[in-house]
């Protein structure tokens, strides 16, 4: 009887330690997802669809892990808000940082807009100090910020890999901040999910890693 009583708190302590490790593992996976997707964005410069797809897969996988950690779905759903920050930051940081580093800044005048009346696909032709720019300034939407005759400060990639961007829209520090805020949100939600998940499983006397 004494031996059984001694083993009981040891088992509970072991379960709690295992759950702490599980929580830290999920937290680490969240950090890895953000870092890896940022790296993929660097490797796939000019092809945003690739890091967008891999980022969506990573965010979904992280939400599923949170569900198993928490034993409920509501915190997993809450993780989608910081997931948006992680996705936007990891996808846009690499091209904007690259443009900010090696891009050439020019001032140009909008000479033409290829979009017909009612068309939302605008392709603005710019005239710079050295003549017409080879690249167009693209805008997909119904209300562009520029019109024919306006002057625009742009940044172009001398290698032609990254599309032309308005200089005011290139802000890698802001994208990095969004990424950090998203990862921080994931970290806080993971810690809360780990705490609540452990309490829920212990209260129902279920094994720590049972679904």
C-alpha atoms as a PDB file:
ATOM      1  CA  UNK A   1       0.000   0.000   0.000  1.00  0.00           C
ATOM      2  CA  UNK A   2       2.840   2.394   0.886  1.00  0.00           C
ATOM      3  CA  UNK A   3       4.597   1.584  -2.378  1.00  0.00           C
ATOM      4  CA  UNK A   4       1.431   2.342  -4.374  1.00  0.00           C
ATOM      5  CA  UNK A   5       1.028   5.695  -2.594  1.00  0.00           C
ATOM      6  CA  UNK A   6       4.623   6.622  -3.370  1.00  0.00           C
ATOM      7  CA  UNK A   7       4.223   5.828  -7.059  1.00  0.00           C
ATOM      8  CA  UNK A   8       1.069   7.884  -7.499  1.00  0.00           C
ATOM      9  CA  UNK A   9       2.603  11.424  -7.191  1.00  0.00           C
ATOM     10  CA  UNK A  10       5.598  10.303  -9.263  1.00  0.00           C
ATOM     11  CA  UNK A  11       3.286   9.300 -12.140  1.00  0.00           C
ATOM     12  CA  UNK A  12       1.425  12.622 -11.898  1.00  0.00           C
ATOM     13  CA  UNK A  13       4.721  14.543 -11.945  1.00  0.00           C
ATOM     14  CA  UNK A  14       5.891  12.546 -14.961  1.00  0.00           C
ATOM     15  CA  UNK A  15       2.644  13.315 -16.818  1.00  0.00           C
ATOM     16  CA  UNK A  16       3.015  17.010 -16.073  1.00  0.00           C
ATOM     17  CA  UNK A  17       6.621  17.022 -17.247  1.00  0.00           C
ATOM     18  CA  UNK A  18       5.644  15.251 -20.458  1.00  0.00           C
ATOM     19  CA  UNK A  19       2.942  17.809 -21.113  1.00  0.00           C
ATOM     20  CA  UNK A  20       5.395  20.653 -20.567  1.00  0.00           C
ATOM     21  CA  UNK A  21       7.673  19.067 -23.171  1.00  0.00           C
ATOM     22  CA  UNK A  22       4.703  18.663 -25.522  1.00  0.00           C
ATOM     23  CA  UNK A  23       3.847  22.352 -25.064  1.00  0.00           C
ATOM     24  CA  UNK A  24       7.428  23.451 -25.728  1.00  0.00           C
ATOM     25  CA  UNK A  25       7.558  21.224 -28.800  1.00  0.00           C
ATOM     26  CA  UNK A  26       4.412  22.809 -30.253  1.00  0.00           C
ATOM     27  CA  UNK A  27       5.812  26.268 -29.492  1.00  0.00           C
ATOM     28  CA  UNK A  28       9.069  25.397 -31.247  1.00  0.00           C
ATOM     29  CA  UNK A  29       7.202  24.068 -34.260  1.00  0.00           C
ATOM     30  CA  UNK A  30       5.388  27.400 -34.546  1.00  0.00           C
ATOM     31  CA  UNK A  31       8.709  29.269 -34.576  1.00  0.00           C
ATOM     32  CA  UNK A  32      10.106  26.829 -37.145  1.00  0.00           C
ATOM     33  CA  UNK A  33       7.065  27.277 -39.415  1.00  0.00           C
ATOM     34  CA  UNK A  34       7.555  31.060 -39.415  1.00  0.00           C
ATOM     35  CA  UNK A  35      11.316  30.829 -40.013  1.00  0.00           C
ATOM     36  CA  UNK A  36      11.100  28.168 -42.715  1.00  0.00           C
ATOM     37  CA  UNK A  37       8.381  30.009 -44.627  1.00  0.00           C
ATOM     38  CA  UNK A  38      10.462  33.189 -44.538  1.00  0.00           C
ATOM     39  CA  UNK A  39      13.366  31.188 -45.961  1.00  0.00           C
ATOM     40  CA  UNK A  40      11.133  29.744 -48.677  1.00  0.00           C
ATOM     41  CA  UNK A  41      10.076  33.285 -49.577  1.00  0.00           C
ATOM     42  CA  UNK A  42      13.752  34.205 -50.036  1.00  0.00           C
ATOM     43  CA  UNK A  43      14.354  31.154 -52.228  1.00  0.00           C
ATOM     44  CA  UNK A  44      11.231  31.847 -54.320  1.00  0.00           C
ATOM     45  CA  UNK A  45      11.627  35.587 -54.884  1.00  0.00           C
ATOM     46  CA  UNK A  46       9.154  36.766 -57.485  1.00  0.00           C
ATOM     47  CA  UNK A  47       6.936  33.699 -56.986  1.00  0.00           C
ATOM     48  CA  UNK A  48       4.764  34.690 -54.016  1.00  0.00           C
ATOM     49  CA  UNK A  49       2.302  31.847 -54.590  1.00  0.00           C
ATOM     50  CA  UNK A  50       4.869  29.304 -53.318  1.00  0.00           C
ATOM     51  CA  UNK A  51       5.396  30.785 -49.798  1.00  0.00           C
ATOM     52  CA  UNK A  52       1.671  31.579 -49.622  1.00  0.00           C
ATOM     53  CA  UNK A  53       0.769  27.913 -50.159  1.00  0.00           C
ATOM     54  CA  UNK A  54       3.464  26.584 -47.816  1.00  0.00           C
ATOM     55  CA  UNK A  55       2.524  29.207 -45.223  1.00  0.00           C
ATOM     56  CA  UNK A  56      -1.145  28.231 -45.328  1.00  0.00           C
ATOM     57  CA  UNK A  57      -0.204  24.572 -44.888  1.00  0.00           C
ATOM     58  CA  UNK A  58       2.056  25.450 -41.942  1.00  0.00           C
ATOM     59  CA  UNK A  59      -0.597  27.590 -40.251  1.00  0.00           C
ATOM     60  CA  UNK A  60      -3.192  24.832 -40.631  1.00  0.00           C
ATOM     61  CA  UNK A  61      -0.787  22.245 -39.220  1.00  0.00           C
ATOM     62  CA  UNK A  62      -0.064  24.482 -36.237  1.00  0.00           C
ATOM     63  CA  UNK A  63      -3.796  24.921 -35.551  1.00  0.00           C
ATOM     64  CA  UNK A  64      -4.260  21.137 -35.562  1.00  0.00           C
ATOM     65  CA  UNK A  65      -1.378  20.724 -33.094  1.00  0.00           C
ATOM     66  CA  UNK A  66      -2.997  23.309 -30.817  1.00  0.00           C
ATOM     67  CA  UNK A  67      -6.241  21.344 -30.912  1.00  0.00           C
ATOM     68  CA  UNK A  68      -4.459  18.218 -29.649  1.00  0.00           C
ATOM     69  CA  UNK A  69      -2.563  20.232 -27.046  1.00  0.00           C
ATOM     70  CA  UNK A  70      -5.667  22.013 -25.747  1.00  0.00           C
ATOM     71  CA  UNK A  71      -8.203  19.168 -26.195  1.00  0.00           C
ATOM     72  CA  UNK A  72     -10.588  21.729 -27.720  1.00  0.00           C
ATOM     73  CA  UNK A  73     -10.902  23.767 -30.879  1.00  0.00           C
ATOM     74  CA  UNK A  74     -11.495  27.332 -29.668  1.00  0.00           C
ATOM     75  CA  UNK A  75      -7.848  28.235 -29.021  1.00  0.00           C
ATOM     76  CA  UNK A  76      -6.928  26.669 -32.358  1.00  0.00           C
ATOM     77  CA  UNK A  77      -9.419  29.012 -34.025  1.00  0.00           C
ATOM     78  CA  UNK A  78      -7.984  31.942 -32.057  1.00  0.00           C
ATOM     79  CA  UNK A  79      -4.559  31.128 -33.512  1.00  0.00           C
ATOM     80  CA  UNK A  80      -5.740  32.138 -36.991  1.00  0.00           C
ATOM     81  CA  UNK A  81      -5.457  35.844 -36.122  1.00  0.00           C
ATOM     82  CA  UNK A  82      -1.704  35.718 -35.374  1.00  0.00           C
ATOM     83  CA  UNK A  83      -1.421  33.227 -38.256  1.00  0.00           C
ATOM     84  CA  UNK A  84      -2.444  36.034 -40.635  1.00  0.00           C
ATOM     85  CA  UNK A  85       0.411  38.165 -39.266  1.00  0.00           C
ATOM     86  CA  UNK A  86       2.843  35.260 -39.622  1.00  0.00           C
ATOM     87  CA  UNK A  87       1.702  34.587 -43.189  1.00  0.00           C
ATOM     88  CA  UNK A  88       1.856  38.225 -44.313  1.00  0.00           C
ATOM     89  CA  UNK A  89       5.169  38.848 -42.589  1.00  0.00           C
ATOM     90  CA  UNK A  90       6.901  35.689 -43.797  1.00  0.00           C
ATOM     91  CA  UNK A  91       5.702  36.105 -47.392  1.00  0.00           C
ATOM     92  CA  UNK A  92       6.357  39.829 -47.823  1.00  0.00           C
ATOM     93  CA  UNK A  93       9.455  40.383 -45.701  1.00  0.00           C
ATOM     94  CA  UNK A  94      11.909  38.708 -48.090  1.00  0.00           C
ATOM     95  CA  UNK A  95      11.010  40.584 -51.306  1.00  0.00           C
ATOM     96  CA  UNK A  96      10.692  43.923 -49.528  1.00  0.00           C
ATOM     97  CA  UNK A  97      13.995  43.457 -47.682  1.00  0.00           C
ATOM     98  CA  UNK A  98      15.657  42.492 -50.967  1.00  0.00           C
ATOM     99  CA  UNK A  99      14.229  45.525 -52.749  1.00  0.00           C
ATOM    100  CA  UNK A 100      15.286  47.786 -49.891  1.00  0.00           C
ATOM    101  CA  UNK A 101      18.812  46.350 -50.051  1.00  0.00           C
ATOM    102  CA  UNK A 102      19.556  46.174 -53.773  1.00  0.00           C
ATOM    103  CA  UNK A 103      16.717  48.102 -55.379  1.00  0.00           C
ATOM    104  CA  UNK A 104      17.165  51.229 -57.464  1.00  0.00           C
ATOM    105  CA  UNK A 105      14.959  54.159 -56.513  1.00  0.00           C
ATOM    106  CA  UNK A 106      13.548  56.274 -59.297  1.00  0.00           C
ATOM    107  CA  UNK A 107      10.985  58.992 -59.751  1.00  0.00           C
ATOM    108  CA  UNK A 108       8.634  58.484 -62.656  1.00  0.00           C
ATOM    109  CA  UNK A 109       5.556  60.026 -64.224  1.00  0.00           C
ATOM    110  CA  UNK A 110       2.555  57.846 -64.978  1.00  0.00           C
ATOM    111  CA  UNK A 111       2.218  58.060 -68.773  1.00  0.00           C
ATOM    112  CA  UNK A 112      -0.455  55.452 -69.475  1.00  0.00           C
ATOM    113  CA  UNK A 113      -2.822  52.947 -67.894  1.00  0.00           C
ATOM    114  CA  UNK A 114      -3.531  49.755 -69.811  1.00  0.00           C
ATOM    115  CA  UNK A 115      -6.792  49.063 -67.951  1.00  0.00           C
ATOM    116  CA  UNK A 116      -9.939  49.626 -69.967  1.00  0.00           C
ATOM    117  CA  UNK A 117     -13.013  51.282 -68.487  1.00  0.00           C
ATOM    118  CA  UNK A 118     -14.319  49.123 -65.649  1.00  0.00           C
ATOM    119  CA  UNK A 119     -11.245  46.887 -65.671  1.00  0.00           C
ATOM    120  CA  UNK A 120      -9.541  46.307 -62.311  1.00  0.00           C
ATOM    121  CA  UNK A 121      -6.182  45.138 -63.718  1.00  0.00           C
ATOM    122  CA  UNK A 122      -4.135  48.323 -63.996  1.00  0.00           C
ATOM    123  CA  UNK A 123      -0.705  48.329 -65.635  1.00  0.00           C
ATOM    124  CA  UNK A 124       0.818  51.790 -65.373  1.00  0.00           C
ATOM    125  CA  UNK A 125       3.564  52.818 -67.779  1.00  0.00           C
ATOM    126  CA  UNK A 126       6.147  55.116 -66.167  1.00  0.00           C
ATOM    127  CA  UNK A 127       8.506  57.656 -67.717  1.00  0.00           C
ATOM    128  CA  UNK A 128      11.686  58.156 -65.684  1.00  0.00           C
ATOM    129  CA  UNK A 129      14.660  60.525 -66.059  1.00  0.00           C
ATOM    130  CA  UNK A 130      16.273  58.120 -68.541  1.00  0.00           C
ATOM    131  CA  UNK A 131      13.094  57.453 -70.470  1.00  0.00           C
ATOM    132  CA  UNK A 132      10.384  54.831 -70.328  1.00  0.00           C
ATOM    133  CA  UNK A 133      10.789  52.151 -67.646  1.00  0.00           C
ATOM    134  CA  UNK A 134      10.786  48.571 -68.912  1.00  0.00           C
ATOM    135  CA  UNK A 135       8.556  47.386 -66.082  1.00  0.00           C
ATOM    136  CA  UNK A 136       5.020  48.520 -65.426  1.00  0.00           C
ATOM    137  CA  UNK A 137       3.624  49.434 -62.036  1.00  0.00           C
ATOM    138  CA  UNK A 138       0.867  46.880 -61.462  1.00  0.00           C
ATOM    139  CA  UNK A 139      -2.268  47.368 -59.387  1.00  0.00           C
ATOM    140  CA  UNK A 140      -5.164  44.934 -59.144  1.00  0.00           C
ATOM    141  CA  UNK A 141      -8.186  46.770 -57.802  1.00  0.00           C
ATOM    142  CA  UNK A 142     -10.885  49.286 -58.627  1.00  0.00           C
ATOM    143  CA  UNK A 143      -9.418  52.367 -56.954  1.00  0.00           C
ATOM    144  CA  UNK A 144      -5.691  52.833 -57.693  1.00  0.00           C
ATOM    145  CA  UNK A 145      -3.766  55.510 -55.847  1.00  0.00           C
ATOM    146  CA  UNK A 146      -2.167  56.809 -59.042  1.00  0.00           C
ATOM    147  CA  UNK A 147      -3.522  58.211 -62.281  1.00  0.00           C
ATOM    148  CA  UNK A 148      -2.081  59.303 -65.579  1.00  0.00           C
ATOM    149  CA  UNK A 149       0.047  62.412 -65.028  1.00  0.00           C
ATOM    150  CA  UNK A 150       0.913  61.656 -61.387  1.00  0.00           C
ATOM    151  CA  UNK A 151       4.519  61.367 -60.250  1.00  0.00           C
ATOM    152  CA  UNK A 152       5.466  58.253 -58.291  1.00  0.00           C
ATOM    153  CA  UNK A 153       8.583  57.233 -56.382  1.00  0.00           C
ATOM    154  CA  UNK A 154       9.313  53.592 -57.182  1.00  0.00           C
ATOM    155  CA  UNK A 155      11.917  50.942 -56.433  1.00  0.00           C
ATOM    156  CA  UNK A 156      12.911  48.499 -59.161  1.00  0.00           C
ATOM    157  CA  UNK A 157      14.960  45.341 -58.893  1.00  0.00           C
ATOM    158  CA  UNK A 158      18.039  45.610 -61.144  1.00  0.00           C
ATOM    159  CA  UNK A 159      17.915  41.827 -61.606  1.00  0.00           C
ATOM    160  CA  UNK A 160      14.266  41.937 -62.648  1.00  0.00           C
ATOM    161  CA  UNK A 161      13.244  39.202 -60.218  1.00  0.00           C
ATOM    162  CA  UNK A 162      10.979  41.254 -57.954  1.00  0.00           C
ATOM    163  CA  UNK A 163       8.188  43.361 -59.480  1.00  0.00           C
ATOM    164  CA  UNK A 164       8.346  47.146 -59.434  1.00  0.00           C
ATOM    165  CA  UNK A 165       6.982  48.644 -56.208  1.00  0.00           C
ATOM    166  CA  UNK A 166       6.085  52.091 -54.930  1.00  0.00           C
ATOM    167  CA  UNK A 167       8.829  53.106 -52.490  1.00  0.00           C
ATOM    168  CA  UNK A 168       6.345  54.033 -49.744  1.00  0.00           C
ATOM    169  CA  UNK A 169       4.960  50.479 -49.823  1.00  0.00           C
ATOM    170  CA  UNK A 170       8.377  48.886 -49.244  1.00  0.00           C
ATOM    171  CA  UNK A 171       8.758  48.604 -45.468  1.00  0.00           C
ATOM    172  CA  UNK A 172      10.669  45.461 -44.430  1.00  0.00           C
ATOM    173  CA  UNK A 173      10.839  46.588 -40.785  1.00  0.00           C
ATOM    174  CA  UNK A 174       7.049  46.656 -40.633  1.00  0.00           C
ATOM    175  CA  UNK A 175       6.818  43.184 -42.207  1.00  0.00           C
ATOM    176  CA  UNK A 176       9.352  41.860 -39.703  1.00  0.00           C
ATOM    177  CA  UNK A 177       7.321  43.436 -36.918  1.00  0.00           C
ATOM    178  CA  UNK A 178       4.168  41.713 -38.181  1.00  0.00           C
ATOM    179  CA  UNK A 179       6.027  38.405 -38.273  1.00  0.00           C
ATOM    180  CA  UNK A 180       7.317  38.894 -34.712  1.00  0.00           C
ATOM    181  CA  UNK A 181       3.849  39.839 -33.450  1.00  0.00           C
ATOM    182  CA  UNK A 182       2.358  36.752 -35.077  1.00  0.00           C
ATOM    183  CA  UNK A 183       4.966  34.453 -33.572  1.00  0.00           C
ATOM    184  CA  UNK A 184       4.474  36.139 -30.196  1.00  0.00           C
ATOM    185  CA  UNK A 185       0.731  35.558 -30.457  1.00  0.00           C
ATOM    186  CA  UNK A 186       1.300  31.901 -31.297  1.00  0.00           C
ATOM    187  CA  UNK A 187       3.644  31.591 -28.307  1.00  0.00           C
ATOM    188  CA  UNK A 188       1.099  33.025 -25.867  1.00  0.00           C
ATOM    189  CA  UNK A 189      -1.728  30.878 -27.229  1.00  0.00           C
ATOM    190  CA  UNK A 190       0.464  27.766 -27.051  1.00  0.00           C
ATOM    191  CA  UNK A 191       1.327  28.370 -23.391  1.00  0.00           C
ATOM    192  CA  UNK A 192      -2.358  28.891 -22.584  1.00  0.00           C
ATOM    193  CA  UNK A 193      -3.344  25.803 -24.569  1.00  0.00           C
ATOM    194  CA  UNK A 194      -0.734  23.723 -22.771  1.00  0.00           C
ATOM    195  CA  UNK A 195      -1.916  24.843 -19.343  1.00  0.00           C
ATOM    196  CA  UNK A 196      -5.609  24.384 -20.050  1.00  0.00           C
ATOM    197  CA  UNK A 197      -5.067  21.149 -21.926  1.00  0.00           C
ATOM    198  CA  UNK A 198      -3.166  19.609 -19.042  1.00  0.00           C
ATOM    199  CA  UNK A 199      -5.865  20.622 -16.563  1.00  0.00           C
ATOM    200  CA  UNK A 200      -8.620  19.245 -18.809  1.00  0.00           C
ATOM    201  CA  UNK A 201      -6.893  15.900 -19.321  1.00  0.00           C
ATOM    202  CA  UNK A 202      -5.978  15.506 -15.655  1.00  0.00           C
ATOM    203  CA  UNK A 203      -9.534  16.306 -14.572  1.00  0.00           C
ATOM    204  CA  UNK A 204     -10.959  13.637 -16.863  1.00  0.00           C
ATOM    205  CA  UNK A 205      -8.136  11.228 -15.969  1.00  0.00           C
ATOM    206  CA  UNK A 206      -7.142  10.751 -19.595  1.00  0.00           C
ATOM    207  CA  UNK A 207      -3.577   9.984 -20.694  1.00  0.00           C
ATOM    208  CA  UNK A 208      -1.598  13.104 -21.568  1.00  0.00           C
ATOM    209  CA  UNK A 209      -1.382  12.405 -25.318  1.00  0.00           C
ATOM    210  CA  UNK A 210      -4.706  10.729 -25.888  1.00  0.00           C
ATOM    211  CA  UNK A 211      -7.035  12.551 -28.318  1.00  0.00           C
END
